[in-house]
């Protein structure tokens, strides 16, 4: 996901309401999220669907890596050779 451009991608709720379709078009074209504020505080993010899905996949991958590292530290890992053997067996099946 592209980083937020603070000059273009932060809009008060009142302005967002009056130009919803143009802000959706902006998010779709730039692939940058739009931060919507209310009373000067961030309250919501409008994001392009594809960019959001990519972000979710990256987060899931990072969570899996973190989980795997934790398991290895706890001694629950397996050797490279054992992992390779398991993969090769599953491919042949």
PDB file of N, CA and C in Angstrom:
ATOM      1  N   UNK A   1       0.853  -1.165   0.000  1.00  0.00           N
ATOM      2  CA  UNK A   1       0.000   0.000   0.000  1.00  0.00           C
ATOM      3  C   UNK A   1       0.901   1.231   0.000  1.00  0.00           C
ATOM      4  N   UNK A   2       0.551   2.189  -0.808  1.00  0.00           N
ATOM      5  CA  UNK A   2       1.302   3.433  -0.891  1.00  0.00           C
ATOM      6  C   UNK A   2       1.136   4.231   0.404  1.00  0.00           C
ATOM      7  N   UNK A   3       2.170   4.995   0.803  1.00  0.00           N
ATOM      8  CA  UNK A   3       2.019   5.813   2.008  1.00  0.00           C
ATOM      9  C   UNK A   3       1.053   6.978   1.786  1.00  0.00           C
ATOM     10  N   UNK A   4       0.467   7.444   2.848  1.00  0.00           N
ATOM     11  CA  UNK A   4      -0.461   8.572   2.788  1.00  0.00           C
ATOM     12  C   UNK A   4       0.301   9.849   2.464  1.00  0.00           C
ATOM     13  N   UNK A   5      -0.225  10.635   1.540  1.00  0.00           N
ATOM     14  CA  UNK A   5       0.293  11.964   1.227  1.00  0.00           C
ATOM     15  C   UNK A   5      -0.495  12.935   2.101  1.00  0.00           C
ATOM     16  N   UNK A   6       0.150  13.534   3.085  1.00  0.00           N
ATOM     17  CA  UNK A   6      -0.561  14.341   4.068  1.00  0.00           C
ATOM     18  C   UNK A   6      -1.255  15.563   3.466  1.00  0.00           C
ATOM     19  N   UNK A   7      -0.789  16.052   2.320  1.00  0.00           N
ATOM     20  CA  UNK A   7      -1.426  17.203   1.683  1.00  0.00           C
ATOM     21  C   UNK A   7      -2.689  16.813   0.922  1.00  0.00           C
ATOM     22  N   UNK A   8      -2.747  15.589   0.422  1.00  0.00           N
ATOM     23  CA  UNK A   8      -3.855  15.181  -0.433  1.00  0.00           C
ATOM     24  C   UNK A   8      -4.768  14.120   0.166  1.00  0.00           C
ATOM     25  N   UNK A   9      -4.282  13.358   1.105  1.00  0.00           N
ATOM     26  CA  UNK A   9      -4.998  12.166   1.550  1.00  0.00           C
ATOM     27  C   UNK A   9      -5.579  12.258   2.959  1.00  0.00           C
ATOM     28  N   UNK A  10      -5.738  13.455   3.467  1.00  0.00           N
ATOM     29  CA  UNK A  10      -6.378  13.654   4.775  1.00  0.00           C
ATOM     30  C   UNK A  10      -7.532  14.614   4.551  1.00  0.00           C
ATOM     31  N   UNK A  11      -8.744  14.161   4.852  1.00  0.00           N
ATOM     32  CA  UNK A  11      -9.936  14.979   4.610  1.00  0.00           C
ATOM     33  C   UNK A  11     -10.873  14.934   5.812  1.00  0.00           C
ATOM     34  N   UNK A  12     -11.430  16.102   6.163  1.00  0.00           N
ATOM     35  CA  UNK A  12     -12.448  16.103   7.216  1.00  0.00           C
ATOM     36  C   UNK A  12     -13.708  15.386   6.744  1.00  0.00           C
ATOM     37  N   UNK A  13     -14.415  14.805   7.672  1.00  0.00           N
ATOM     38  CA  UNK A  13     -15.634  14.060   7.367  1.00  0.00           C
ATOM     39  C   UNK A  13     -16.623  14.903   6.573  1.00  0.00           C
ATOM     40  N   UNK A  14     -16.766  16.170   6.912  1.00  0.00           N
ATOM     41  CA  UNK A  14     -17.728  17.033   6.203  1.00  0.00           C
ATOM     42  C   UNK A  14     -17.385  17.160   4.716  1.00  0.00           C
ATOM     43  N   UNK A  15     -16.102  17.316   4.401  1.00  0.00           N
ATOM     44  CA  UNK A  15     -15.705  17.392   2.988  1.00  0.00           C
ATOM     45  C   UNK A  15     -15.829  16.029   2.306  1.00  0.00           C
ATOM     46  N   UNK A  16     -15.519  14.969   3.043  1.00  0.00           N
ATOM     47  CA  UNK A  16     -15.646  13.620   2.478  1.00  0.00           C
ATOM     48  C   UNK A  16     -17.094  13.358   2.081  1.00  0.00           C
ATOM     49  N   UNK A  17     -18.034  13.723   2.946  1.00  0.00           N
ATOM     50  CA  UNK A  17     -19.458  13.514   2.664  1.00  0.00           C
ATOM     51  C   UNK A  17     -19.882  14.205   1.366  1.00  0.00           C
ATOM     52  N   UNK A  18     -19.374  15.414   1.148  1.00  0.00           N
ATOM     53  CA  UNK A  18     -19.810  16.178  -0.023  1.00  0.00           C
ATOM     54  C   UNK A  18     -19.140  15.723  -1.319  1.00  0.00           C
ATOM     55  N   UNK A  19     -18.071  14.932  -1.216  1.00  0.00           N
ATOM     56  CA  UNK A  19     -17.385  14.498  -2.433  1.00  0.00           C
ATOM     57  C   UNK A  19     -16.995  13.044  -2.420  1.00  0.00           C
ATOM     58  N   UNK A  20     -17.855  12.192  -1.887  1.00  0.00           N
ATOM     59  CA  UNK A  20     -17.546  10.773  -1.724  1.00  0.00           C
ATOM     60  C   UNK A  20     -17.017  10.148  -3.012  1.00  0.00           C
ATOM     61  N   UNK A  21     -17.721  10.320  -4.116  1.00  0.00           N
ATOM     62  CA  UNK A  21     -17.313   9.643  -5.354  1.00  0.00           C
ATOM     63  C   UNK A  21     -15.940  10.111  -5.826  1.00  0.00           C
ATOM     64  N   UNK A  22     -15.625  11.385  -5.670  1.00  0.00           N
ATOM     65  CA  UNK A  22     -14.308  11.866  -6.113  1.00  0.00           C
ATOM     66  C   UNK A  22     -13.205  11.304  -5.218  1.00  0.00           C
ATOM     67  N   UNK A  23     -13.485  11.126  -3.927  1.00  0.00           N
ATOM     68  CA  UNK A  23     -12.479  10.551  -3.041  1.00  0.00           C
ATOM     69  C   UNK A  23     -12.287   9.062  -3.314  1.00  0.00           C
ATOM     70  N   UNK A  24     -13.357   8.376  -3.651  1.00  0.00           N
ATOM     71  CA  UNK A  24     -13.225   6.963  -4.026  1.00  0.00           C
ATOM     72  C   UNK A  24     -12.391   6.852  -5.303  1.00  0.00           C
ATOM     73  N   UNK A  25     -12.638   7.714  -6.252  1.00  0.00           N
ATOM     74  CA  UNK A  25     -11.855   7.723  -7.488  1.00  0.00           C
ATOM     75  C   UNK A  25     -10.387   8.015  -7.185  1.00  0.00           C
ATOM     76  N   UNK A  26     -10.120   8.959  -6.295  1.00  0.00           N
ATOM     77  CA  UNK A  26      -8.748   9.297  -5.914  1.00  0.00           C
ATOM     78  C   UNK A  26      -8.029   8.088  -5.331  1.00  0.00           C
ATOM     79  N   UNK A  27      -8.695   7.390  -4.410  1.00  0.00           N
ATOM     80  CA  UNK A  27      -8.101   6.212  -3.765  1.00  0.00           C
ATOM     81  C   UNK A  27      -7.848   5.115  -4.798  1.00  0.00           C
ATOM     82  N   UNK A  28      -8.778   4.935  -5.717  1.00  0.00           N
ATOM     83  CA  UNK A  28      -8.645   3.909  -6.750  1.00  0.00           C
ATOM     84  C   UNK A  28      -7.478   4.221  -7.682  1.00  0.00           C
ATOM     85  N   UNK A  29      -7.336   5.476  -8.059  1.00  0.00           N
ATOM     86  CA  UNK A  29      -6.282   5.868  -9.002  1.00  0.00           C
ATOM     87  C   UNK A  29      -4.896   5.909  -8.358  1.00  0.00           C
ATOM     88  N   UNK A  30      -4.798   6.469  -7.150  1.00  0.00           N
ATOM     89  CA  UNK A  30      -3.483   6.652  -6.521  1.00  0.00           C
ATOM     90  C   UNK A  30      -3.015   5.427  -5.752  1.00  0.00           C
ATOM     91  N   UNK A  31      -3.948   4.552  -5.393  1.00  0.00           N
ATOM     92  CA  UNK A  31      -3.672   3.379  -4.558  1.00  0.00           C
ATOM     93  C   UNK A  31      -3.226   3.767  -3.153  1.00  0.00           C
ATOM     94  N   UNK A  32      -3.415   5.052  -2.793  1.00  0.00           N
ATOM     95  CA  UNK A  32      -3.093   5.522  -1.450  1.00  0.00           C
ATOM     96  C   UNK A  32      -4.374   5.587  -0.627  1.00  0.00           C
ATOM     97  N   UNK A  33      -4.287   5.236   0.661  1.00  0.00           N
ATOM     98  CA  UNK A  33      -5.474   5.328   1.507  1.00  0.00           C
ATOM     99  C   UNK A  33      -5.819   6.787   1.786  1.00  0.00           C
ATOM    100  N   UNK A  34      -7.057   7.019   2.154  1.00  0.00           N
ATOM    101  CA  UNK A  34      -7.541   8.342   2.529  1.00  0.00           C
ATOM    102  C   UNK A  34      -7.871   8.312   4.013  1.00  0.00           C
ATOM    103  N   UNK A  35      -7.286   9.231   4.768  1.00  0.00           N
ATOM    104  CA  UNK A  35      -7.564   9.348   6.192  1.00  0.00           C
ATOM    105  C   UNK A  35      -8.695  10.343   6.376  1.00  0.00           C
ATOM    106  N   UNK A  36      -9.760   9.909   7.007  1.00  0.00           N
ATOM    107  CA  UNK A  36     -10.919  10.765   7.256  1.00  0.00           C
ATOM    108  C   UNK A  36     -10.872  11.201   8.723  1.00  0.00           C
ATOM    109  N   UNK A  37     -10.996  12.514   8.920  1.00  0.00           N
ATOM    110  CA  UNK A  37     -10.915  13.054  10.272  1.00  0.00           C
ATOM    111  C   UNK A  37     -12.264  13.599  10.723  1.00  0.00           C
ATOM    112  N   UNK A  38     -12.424  13.667  12.029  1.00  0.00           N
ATOM    113  CA  UNK A  38     -13.609  14.279  12.631  1.00  0.00           C
ATOM    114  C   UNK A  38     -13.124  15.018  13.874  1.00  0.00           C
ATOM    115  N   UNK A  39     -13.421  16.303  13.931  1.00  0.00           N
ATOM    116  CA  UNK A  39     -12.950  17.150  15.030  1.00  0.00           C
ATOM    117  C   UNK A  39     -11.428  17.093  15.159  1.00  0.00           C
ATOM    118  N   UNK A  40     -10.748  17.030  14.002  1.00  0.00           N
ATOM    119  CA  UNK A  40      -9.290  17.060  13.986  1.00  0.00           C
ATOM    120  C   UNK A  40      -8.597  15.755  14.320  1.00  0.00           C
ATOM    121  N   UNK A  41      -9.355  14.688  14.511  1.00  0.00           N
ATOM    122  CA  UNK A  41      -8.763  13.390  14.857  1.00  0.00           C
ATOM    123  C   UNK A  41      -9.119  12.366  13.792  1.00  0.00           C
ATOM    124  N   UNK A  42      -8.177  11.482  13.479  1.00  0.00           N
ATOM    125  CA  UNK A  42      -8.438  10.418  12.521  1.00  0.00           C
ATOM    126  C   UNK A  42      -9.495   9.465  13.039  1.00  0.00           C
ATOM    127  N   UNK A  43     -10.507   9.183  12.185  1.00  0.00           N
ATOM    128  CA  UNK A  43     -11.586   8.276  12.613  1.00  0.00           C
ATOM    129  C   UNK A  43     -11.777   7.091  11.671  1.00  0.00           C
ATOM    130  N   UNK A  44     -11.285   7.207  10.425  1.00  0.00           N
ATOM    131  CA  UNK A  44     -11.492   6.112   9.478  1.00  0.00           C
ATOM    132  C   UNK A  44     -10.473   6.205   8.350  1.00  0.00           C
ATOM    133  N   UNK A  45     -10.279   5.081   7.684  1.00  0.00           N
ATOM    134  CA  UNK A  45      -9.406   4.989   6.518  1.00  0.00           C
ATOM    135  C   UNK A  45     -10.223   4.406   5.380  1.00  0.00           C
ATOM    136  N   UNK A  46     -10.141   5.043   4.217  1.00  0.00           N
ATOM    137  CA  UNK A  46     -10.733   4.505   2.992  1.00  0.00           C
ATOM    138  C   UNK A  46      -9.581   3.975   2.155  1.00  0.00           C
ATOM    139  N   UNK A  47      -9.631   2.695   1.793  1.00  0.00           N
ATOM    140  CA  UNK A  47      -8.526   2.078   1.071  1.00  0.00           C
ATOM    141  C   UNK A  47      -9.028   1.370  -0.184  1.00  0.00           C
ATOM    142  N   UNK A  48      -8.170   1.299  -1.186  1.00  0.00           N
ATOM    143  CA  UNK A  48      -8.442   0.537  -2.400  1.00  0.00           C
ATOM    144  C   UNK A  48      -8.522  -0.949  -2.014  1.00  0.00           C
ATOM    145  N   UNK A  49      -9.468  -1.665  -2.569  1.00  0.00           N
ATOM    146  CA  UNK A  49      -9.692  -3.063  -2.194  1.00  0.00           C
ATOM    147  C   UNK A  49      -8.461  -3.923  -2.493  1.00  0.00           C
ATOM    148  N   UNK A  50      -7.891  -3.792  -3.686  1.00  0.00           N
ATOM    149  CA  UNK A  50      -6.709  -4.602  -4.029  1.00  0.00           C
ATOM    150  C   UNK A  50      -5.549  -4.314  -3.093  1.00  0.00           C
ATOM    151  N   UNK A  51      -5.319  -3.044  -2.789  1.00  0.00           N
ATOM    152  CA  UNK A  51      -4.229  -2.677  -1.887  1.00  0.00           C
ATOM    153  C   UNK A  51      -4.484  -3.211  -0.480  1.00  0.00           C
ATOM    154  N   UNK A  52      -5.725  -3.173  -0.038  1.00  0.00           N
ATOM    155  CA  UNK A  52      -6.078  -3.702   1.279  1.00  0.00           C
ATOM    156  C   UNK A  52      -5.839  -5.211   1.325  1.00  0.00           C
ATOM    157  N   UNK A  53      -6.233  -5.917   0.271  1.00  0.00           N
ATOM    158  CA  UNK A  53      -6.023  -7.363   0.220  1.00  0.00           C
ATOM    159  C   UNK A  53      -4.534  -7.692   0.239  1.00  0.00           C
ATOM    160  N   UNK A  54      -3.714  -6.930  -0.485  1.00  0.00           N
ATOM    161  CA  UNK A  54      -2.262  -7.140  -0.467  1.00  0.00           C
ATOM    162  C   UNK A  54      -1.712  -6.926   0.936  1.00  0.00           C
ATOM    163  N   UNK A  55      -2.202  -5.894   1.593  1.00  0.00           N
ATOM    164  CA  UNK A  55      -1.760  -5.601   2.954  1.00  0.00           C
ATOM    165  C   UNK A  55      -2.115  -6.743   3.900  1.00  0.00           C
ATOM    166  N   UNK A  56      -3.315  -7.287   3.753  1.00  0.00           N
ATOM    167  CA  UNK A  56      -3.728  -8.420   4.592  1.00  0.00           C
ATOM    168  C   UNK A  56      -2.845  -9.640   4.339  1.00  0.00           C
ATOM    169  N   UNK A  57      -2.505  -9.899   3.067  1.00  0.00           N
ATOM    170  CA  UNK A  57      -1.637 -11.047   2.757  1.00  0.00           C
ATOM    171  C   UNK A  57      -0.250 -10.857   3.360  1.00  0.00           C
ATOM    172  N   UNK A  58       0.287  -9.640   3.290  1.00  0.00           N
ATOM    173  CA  UNK A  58       1.600  -9.365   3.882  1.00  0.00           C
ATOM    174  C   UNK A  58       1.555  -9.568   5.387  1.00  0.00           C
ATOM    175  N   UNK A  59       0.499  -9.088   6.016  1.00  0.00           N
ATOM    176  CA  UNK A  59       0.358  -9.234   7.453  1.00  0.00           C
ATOM    177  C   UNK A  59       0.276 -10.709   7.841  1.00  0.00           C
ATOM    178  N   UNK A  60      -0.492 -11.473   7.084  1.00  0.00           N
ATOM    179  CA  UNK A  60      -0.607 -12.910   7.368  1.00  0.00           C
ATOM    180  C   UNK A  60       0.753 -13.595   7.234  1.00  0.00           C
ATOM    181  N   UNK A  61       1.516 -13.241   6.209  1.00  0.00           N
ATOM    182  CA  UNK A  61       2.846 -13.818   6.023  1.00  0.00           C
ATOM    183  C   UNK A  61       3.756 -13.469   7.207  1.00  0.00           C
ATOM    184  N   UNK A  62       3.734 -12.202   7.612  1.00  0.00           N
ATOM    185  CA  UNK A  62       4.560 -11.790   8.754  1.00  0.00           C
ATOM    186  C   UNK A  62       4.139 -12.513  10.031  1.00  0.00           C
ATOM    187  N   UNK A  63       2.841 -12.696  10.240  1.00  0.00           N
ATOM    188  CA  UNK A  63       2.375 -13.436  11.413  1.00  0.00           C
ATOM    189  C   UNK A  63       2.851 -14.880  11.370  1.00  0.00           C
ATOM    190  N   UNK A  64       2.829 -15.493  10.180  1.00  0.00           N
ATOM    191  CA  UNK A  64       3.304 -16.877  10.049  1.00  0.00           C
ATOM    192  C   UNK A  64       4.801 -16.972  10.325  1.00  0.00           C
ATOM    193  N   UNK A  65       5.556 -15.981   9.846  1.00  0.00           N
ATOM    194  CA  UNK A  65       6.999 -15.972  10.102  1.00  0.00           C
ATOM    195  C   UNK A  65       7.259 -15.829  11.596  1.00  0.00           C
ATOM    196  N   UNK A  66       6.546 -14.911  12.239  1.00  0.00           N
ATOM    197  CA  UNK A  66       6.703 -14.714  13.681  1.00  0.00           C
ATOM    198  C   UNK A  66       6.369 -15.997  14.442  1.00  0.00           C
ATOM    199  N   UNK A  67       5.290 -16.647  14.046  1.00  0.00           N
ATOM    200  CA  UNK A  67       4.882 -17.895  14.706  1.00  0.00           C
ATOM    201  C   UNK A  67       5.958 -18.967  14.513  1.00  0.00           C
ATOM    202  N   UNK A  68       6.486 -19.071  13.297  1.00  0.00           N
ATOM    203  CA  UNK A  68       7.519 -20.076  13.017  1.00  0.00           C
ATOM    204  C   UNK A  68       8.782 -19.797  13.835  1.00  0.00           C
ATOM    205  N   UNK A  69       9.166 -18.516  13.916  1.00  0.00           N
ATOM    206  CA  UNK A  69      10.353 -18.176  14.703  1.00  0.00           C
ATOM    207  C   UNK A  69      10.150 -18.520  16.174  1.00  0.00           C
ATOM    208  N   UNK A  70       8.960 -18.273  16.685  1.00  0.00           N
ATOM    209  CA  UNK A  70       8.654 -18.605  18.080  1.00  0.00           C
ATOM    210  C   UNK A  70       8.726 -20.114  18.305  1.00  0.00           C
ATOM    211  N   UNK A  71       8.189 -20.875  17.362  1.00  0.00           N
ATOM    212  CA  UNK A  71       8.220 -22.329  17.487  1.00  0.00           C
ATOM    213  C   UNK A  71       9.652 -22.859  17.450  1.00  0.00           C
ATOM    214  N   UNK A  72      10.483 -22.271  16.587  1.00  0.00           N
ATOM    215  CA  UNK A  72      11.886 -22.695  16.510  1.00  0.00           C
ATOM    216  C   UNK A  72      12.594 -22.399  17.828  1.00  0.00           C
ATOM    217  N   UNK A  73      12.359 -21.200  18.377  1.00  0.00           N
ATOM    218  CA  UNK A  73      12.980 -20.833  19.661  1.00  0.00           C
ATOM    219  C   UNK A  73      12.552 -21.773  20.783  1.00  0.00           C
ATOM    220  N   UNK A  74      11.341 -22.318  20.686  1.00  0.00           N
ATOM    221  CA  UNK A  74      10.837 -23.246  21.702  1.00  0.00           C
ATOM    222  C   UNK A  74      11.306 -24.674  21.448  1.00  0.00           C
ATOM    223  N   UNK A  75      12.079 -24.865  20.382  1.00  0.00           N
ATOM    224  CA  UNK A  75      12.587 -26.195  20.079  1.00  0.00           C
ATOM    225  C   UNK A  75      11.606 -27.066  19.323  1.00  0.00           C
ATOM    226  N   UNK A  76      10.602 -26.470  18.714  1.00  0.00           N
ATOM    227  CA  UNK A  76       9.588 -27.250  18.003  1.00  0.00           C
ATOM    228  C   UNK A  76       9.816 -27.242  16.494  1.00  0.00           C
ATOM    229  N   UNK A  77      11.002 -26.834  16.054  1.00  0.00           N
ATOM    230  CA  UNK A  77      11.298 -26.817  14.626  1.00  0.00           C
ATOM    231  C   UNK A  77      11.775 -28.173  14.149  1.00  0.00           C
ATOM    232  N   UNK A  78      11.915 -28.314  12.821  1.00  0.00           N
ATOM    233  CA  UNK A  78      12.469 -29.544  12.248  1.00  0.00           C
ATOM    234  C   UNK A  78      13.641 -29.152  11.351  1.00  0.00           C
ATOM    235  N   UNK A  79      14.495 -30.100  11.083  1.00  0.00           N
ATOM    236  CA  UNK A  79      15.675 -29.826  10.274  1.00  0.00           C
ATOM    237  C   UNK A  79      15.287 -29.554   8.819  1.00  0.00           C
ATOM    238  N   UNK A  80      16.209 -28.918   8.102  1.00  0.00           N
ATOM    239  CA  UNK A  80      15.984 -28.634   6.689  1.00  0.00           C
ATOM    240  C   UNK A  80      15.763 -29.926   5.910  1.00  0.00           C
ATOM    241  N   UNK A  81      16.560 -30.937   6.198  1.00  0.00           N
ATOM    242  CA  UNK A  81      16.444 -32.215   5.486  1.00  0.00           C
ATOM    243  C   UNK A  81      15.090 -32.866   5.727  1.00  0.00           C
ATOM    244  N   UNK A  82      14.614 -32.837   6.967  1.00  0.00           N
ATOM    245  CA  UNK A  82      13.298 -33.403   7.274  1.00  0.00           C
ATOM    246  C   UNK A  82      12.190 -32.638   6.553  1.00  0.00           C
ATOM    247  N   UNK A  83      12.296 -31.313   6.544  1.00  0.00           N
ATOM    248  CA  UNK A  83      11.296 -30.493   5.851  1.00  0.00           C
ATOM    249  C   UNK A  83      11.314 -30.782   4.354  1.00  0.00           C
ATOM    250  N   UNK A  84      12.502 -30.878   3.791  1.00  0.00           N
ATOM    251  CA  UNK A  84      12.638 -31.173   2.359  1.00  0.00           C
ATOM    252  C   UNK A  84      12.035 -32.533   2.034  1.00  0.00           C
ATOM    253  N   UNK A  85      12.307 -33.501   2.884  1.00  0.00           N
ATOM    254  CA  UNK A  85      11.771 -34.842   2.680  1.00  0.00           C
ATOM    255  C   UNK A  85      10.243 -34.837   2.720  1.00  0.00           C
ATOM    256  N   UNK A  86       9.661 -34.105   3.664  1.00  0.00           N
ATOM    257  CA  UNK A  86       8.202 -34.028   3.762  1.00  0.00           C
ATOM    258  C   UNK A  86       7.594 -33.382   2.513  1.00  0.00           C
ATOM    259  N   UNK A  87       8.241 -32.323   2.011  1.00  0.00           N
ATOM    260  CA  UNK A  87       7.737 -31.639   0.825  1.00  0.00           C
ATOM    261  C   UNK A  87       7.826 -32.563  -0.383  1.00  0.00           C
ATOM    262  N   UNK A  88       8.935 -33.250  -0.526  1.00  0.00           N
ATOM    263  CA  UNK A  88       9.131 -34.141  -1.680  1.00  0.00           C
ATOM    264  C   UNK A  88       8.110 -35.279  -1.649  1.00  0.00           C
ATOM    265  N   UNK A  89       7.819 -35.814  -0.472  1.00  0.00           N
ATOM    266  CA  UNK A  89       6.819 -36.867  -0.344  1.00  0.00           C
ATOM    267  C   UNK A  89       5.444 -36.360  -0.749  1.00  0.00           C
ATOM    268  N   UNK A  90       5.106 -35.129  -0.331  1.00  0.00           N
ATOM    269  CA  UNK A  90       3.781 -34.588  -0.659  1.00  0.00           C
ATOM    270  C   UNK A  90       3.664 -34.291  -2.158  1.00  0.00           C
ATOM    271  N   UNK A  91       4.760 -33.948  -2.800  1.00  0.00           N
ATOM    272  CA  UNK A  91       4.747 -33.677  -4.247  1.00  0.00           C
ATOM    273  C   UNK A  91       4.534 -34.968  -5.025  1.00  0.00           C
ATOM    274  N   UNK A  92       5.142 -36.048  -4.562  1.00  0.00           N
ATOM    275  CA  UNK A  92       5.051 -37.333  -5.242  1.00  0.00           C
ATOM    276  C   UNK A  92       3.677 -37.975  -5.067  1.00  0.00           C
ATOM    277  N   UNK A  93       2.948 -37.594  -4.059  1.00  0.00           N
ATOM    278  CA  UNK A  93       1.629 -38.217  -3.780  1.00  0.00           C
ATOM    279  C   UNK A  93       0.595 -37.764  -4.762  1.00  0.00           C
TER     280      UNK A  93
END
